[in-house]
C-alpha atoms as a PDB file:
ATOM      1  CA  MET A   1     -18.024 -17.463 -11.109  1.00  0.00           C
ATOM      2  CA  ASN A   2     -17.994 -17.388  -7.147  1.00  0.00           C
ATOM      3  CA  GLY A   3     -19.565 -13.850  -6.142  1.00  0.00           C
ATOM      4  CA  TRP A   4     -16.532 -13.365  -3.765  1.00  0.00           C
ATOM      5  CA  ILE A   5     -14.103 -13.286  -6.781  1.00  0.00           C
ATOM      6  CA  LEU A   6     -15.251 -11.046  -8.190  1.00  0.00           C
ATOM      7  CA  LEU A   7     -15.462  -8.678  -4.972  1.00  0.00           C
ATOM      8  CA  SER A   8     -12.037  -9.392  -5.262  1.00  0.00           C
ATOM      9  CA  VAL A   9     -11.076  -8.469  -8.717  1.00  0.00           C
ATOM     10  CA  VAL A  10     -13.033  -5.377  -8.341  1.00  0.00           C
ATOM     11  CA  ALA A  11     -11.695  -4.606  -4.880  1.00  0.00           C
ATOM     12  CA  SER A  12      -8.416  -4.688  -6.545  1.00  0.00           C
ATOM     13  CA  LEU A  13      -9.272  -2.750  -9.398  1.00  0.00           C
ATOM     14  CA  VAL A  14      -9.721  -0.020  -7.080  1.00  0.00           C
ATOM     15  CA  VAL A  15      -7.116  -0.721  -5.532  1.00  0.00           C
ATOM     16  CA  ILE A  16      -4.854  -0.797  -8.792  1.00  0.00           C
ATOM     17  CA  VAL A  17      -6.325   2.893  -9.589  1.00  0.00           C
ATOM     18  CA  ILE A  18      -5.620   4.036  -6.697  1.00  0.00           C
ATOM     19  CA  ILE A  19      -1.809   3.398  -6.611  1.00  0.00           C
ATOM     20  CA  VAL A  20      -2.180   5.261  -9.689  1.00  0.00           C
ATOM     21  CA  ALA A  21      -3.608   8.178  -8.401  1.00  0.00           C
ATOM     22  CA  ILE A  22      -0.933   8.178  -5.808  1.00  0.00           C
ATOM     23  CA  LEU A  23       1.692   7.660  -8.013  1.00  0.00           C
ATOM     24  CA  LEU A  24       0.964  10.610 -10.779  1.00  0.00           C
ATOM     25  CA  GLY A  25      -0.253  12.971  -8.100  1.00  0.00           C
ATOM     26  CA  ARG A  26      -3.693  12.905  -7.882  1.00  0.00           C
ATOM     27  CA  GLY A  27      -4.116  11.157  -4.723  1.00  0.00           C
ATOM     28  CA  ASP A  28      -1.402  12.741  -2.347  1.00  0.00           C
ATOM     29  CA  TRP A  29      -5.001  14.038  -0.139  1.00  0.00           C
ATOM     30  CA  MET A  30      -4.588  10.002   0.870  1.00  0.00           C
ATOM     31  CA  ILE A  31      -1.174   9.819   1.929  1.00  0.00           C
ATOM     32  CA  TYR A  32      -1.446  10.986   6.218  1.00  0.00           C
ATOM     33  CA  GLU A  33       2.067  12.236   6.129  1.00  0.00           C
ATOM     34  CA  LEU A  34       1.333  14.944   3.507  1.00  0.00           C
ATOM     35  CA  LYS A  35      -1.973  16.402   5.725  1.00  0.00           C
ATOM     36  CA  SER A  36       0.470  17.359   8.296  1.00  0.00           C
ATOM     37  CA  ASP A  37       2.213  20.507   9.356  1.00  0.00           C
ATOM     38  CA  GLU A  38       6.020  18.308   8.904  1.00  0.00           C
ATOM     39  CA  HIS A  39       4.800  17.328   4.769  1.00  0.00           C
ATOM     40  CA  LYS A  40       7.953  19.576   4.005  1.00  0.00           C
ATOM     41  CA  GLY A  41      10.478  17.276   5.134  1.00  0.00           C
ATOM     42  CA  TYR A  42       9.585  14.580   2.838  1.00  0.00           C
ATOM     43  CA  ASN A  43      10.451  14.273  -0.149  1.00  0.00           C
ATOM     44  CA  ILE A  44       7.014  13.914  -2.079  1.00  0.00           C
ATOM     45  CA  VAL A  45       7.906  11.336  -5.042  1.00  0.00           C
ATOM     46  CA  ARG A  46       9.672   9.023  -3.338  1.00  0.00           C
ATOM     47  CA  LEU A  47       6.804   8.869  -0.104  1.00  0.00           C
ATOM     48  CA  ARG A  48       4.447   8.256  -2.999  1.00  0.00           C
ATOM     49  CA  VAL A  49       6.774   5.586  -4.112  1.00  0.00           C
ATOM     50  CA  VAL A  50       7.334   4.040  -0.876  1.00  0.00           C
ATOM     51  CA  VAL A  51       2.966   4.346  -0.210  1.00  0.00           C
ATOM     52  CA  ALA A  52       2.238   2.287  -3.899  1.00  0.00           C
ATOM     53  CA  ILE A  53       4.491   0.126  -3.004  1.00  0.00           C
ATOM     54  CA  SER A  54       3.467  -1.027   0.754  1.00  0.00           C
ATOM     55  CA  TYR A  55      -0.115  -1.263  -0.800  1.00  0.00           C
ATOM     56  CA  LEU A  56       0.901  -3.177  -3.785  1.00  0.00           C
ATOM     57  CA  LEU A  57       2.465  -5.534  -1.882  1.00  0.00           C
ATOM     58  CA  THR A  58      -0.281  -6.007   0.558  1.00  0.00           C
ATOM     59  CA  LEU A  59      -2.560  -6.124  -2.165  1.00  0.00           C
ATOM     60  CA  LEU A  60      -0.028  -9.115  -3.412  1.00  0.00           C
ATOM     61  CA  LEU A  61       0.041 -10.448   0.011  1.00  0.00           C
ATOM     62  CA  VAL A  62      -4.062 -11.204   0.483  1.00  0.00           C
ATOM     63  CA  TRP A  63      -4.240 -12.766  -3.417  1.00  0.00           C
ATOM     64  CA  VAL A  64      -1.446 -14.965  -2.632  1.00  0.00           C
ATOM     65  CA  GLN A  65      -3.059 -15.798   0.631  1.00  0.00           C
ATOM     66  CA  HIS A  66      -6.148 -16.417  -1.271  1.00  0.00           C
ATOM     67  CA  ILE A  67      -4.692 -18.775  -3.661  1.00  0.00           C
ATOM     68  CA  PHE A  68      -2.294 -21.184  -1.679  1.00  0.00           C
ATOM     69  CA  ASP A  69      -5.069 -20.984   1.607  1.00  0.00           C
ATOM     70  CA  PHE A  70      -2.203 -19.460   3.997  1.00  0.00           C
ATOM     71  CA  LYS A  71      -2.591 -19.384   7.273  1.00  0.00           C
ATOM     72  CA  ASP A  72      -4.118 -15.786   9.084  1.00  0.00           C
ATOM     73  CA  TRP A  73      -1.482 -16.038  11.384  1.00  0.00           C
ATOM     74  CA  ILE A  74       1.201 -15.980   8.011  1.00  0.00           C
ATOM     75  CA  SER A  75      -0.935 -12.721   6.518  1.00  0.00           C
ATOM     76  CA  LEU A  76      -0.661 -10.880  10.218  1.00  0.00           C
ATOM     77  CA  VAL A  77       2.724 -11.442   9.810  1.00  0.00           C
ATOM     78  CA  GLY A  78       3.565 -10.734   6.103  1.00  0.00           C
ATOM     79  CA  ILE A  79       1.036  -7.173   6.756  1.00  0.00           C
ATOM     80  CA  VAL A  80       3.592  -6.743   9.844  1.00  0.00           C
ATOM     81  CA  LEU A  81       6.533  -6.965   8.044  1.00  0.00           C
ATOM     82  CA  ILE A  82       4.971  -4.568   5.176  1.00  0.00           C
ATOM     83  CA  ALA A  83       4.076  -2.144   7.798  1.00  0.00           C
ATOM     84  CA  ILE A  84       7.432  -2.185   9.575  1.00  0.00           C
ATOM     85  CA  LEU A  85       9.574  -2.154   6.232  1.00  0.00           C
ATOM     86  CA  ALA A  86       6.880   0.710   4.799  1.00  0.00           C
ATOM     87  CA  GLY A  87       7.773   2.880   8.522  1.00  0.00           C
ATOM     88  CA  LEU A  88      11.181   2.760   8.290  1.00  0.00           C
ATOM     89  CA  MET A  89      10.892   3.625   4.364  1.00  0.00           C
ATOM     90  CA  LYS A  90       8.828   7.056   4.709  1.00  0.00           C
ATOM     91  CA  SER A  91      11.471   7.831   7.523  1.00  0.00           C
ATOM     92  CA  ARG A  92      14.512   6.996   5.821  1.00  0.00           C
ATOM     93  CA  TRP A  93      14.508   7.000   2.323  1.00  0.00           C
ATOM     94  CA  ALA A  94      10.962   9.541   1.826  1.00  0.00           C
ATOM     95  CA  MET A  95      13.112  11.851   3.904  1.00  0.00           C
ATOM     96  CA  ARG A  96      14.888  15.389   2.324  1.00  0.00           C
END
């Protein structure tokens, strides 16, 4: 097995563990919005979902790029779109 593939699988498993920890509430220290004083304005459960889904979509985008060999700018556009959508969801849906 190629060493890069093995490294990618292990890194993906680490990200999946982080996603599960965030969804279960054990990874709240990893969410930037919960570190500030403005955390009382957020619905914490919804914020966890938004962050976890954005991590998952980014991970899927990296794997899709690797499998289908996209150009780098397509991945950049995808990551920017994920970041914009996550920001909008945080500011609209995840607020109390």
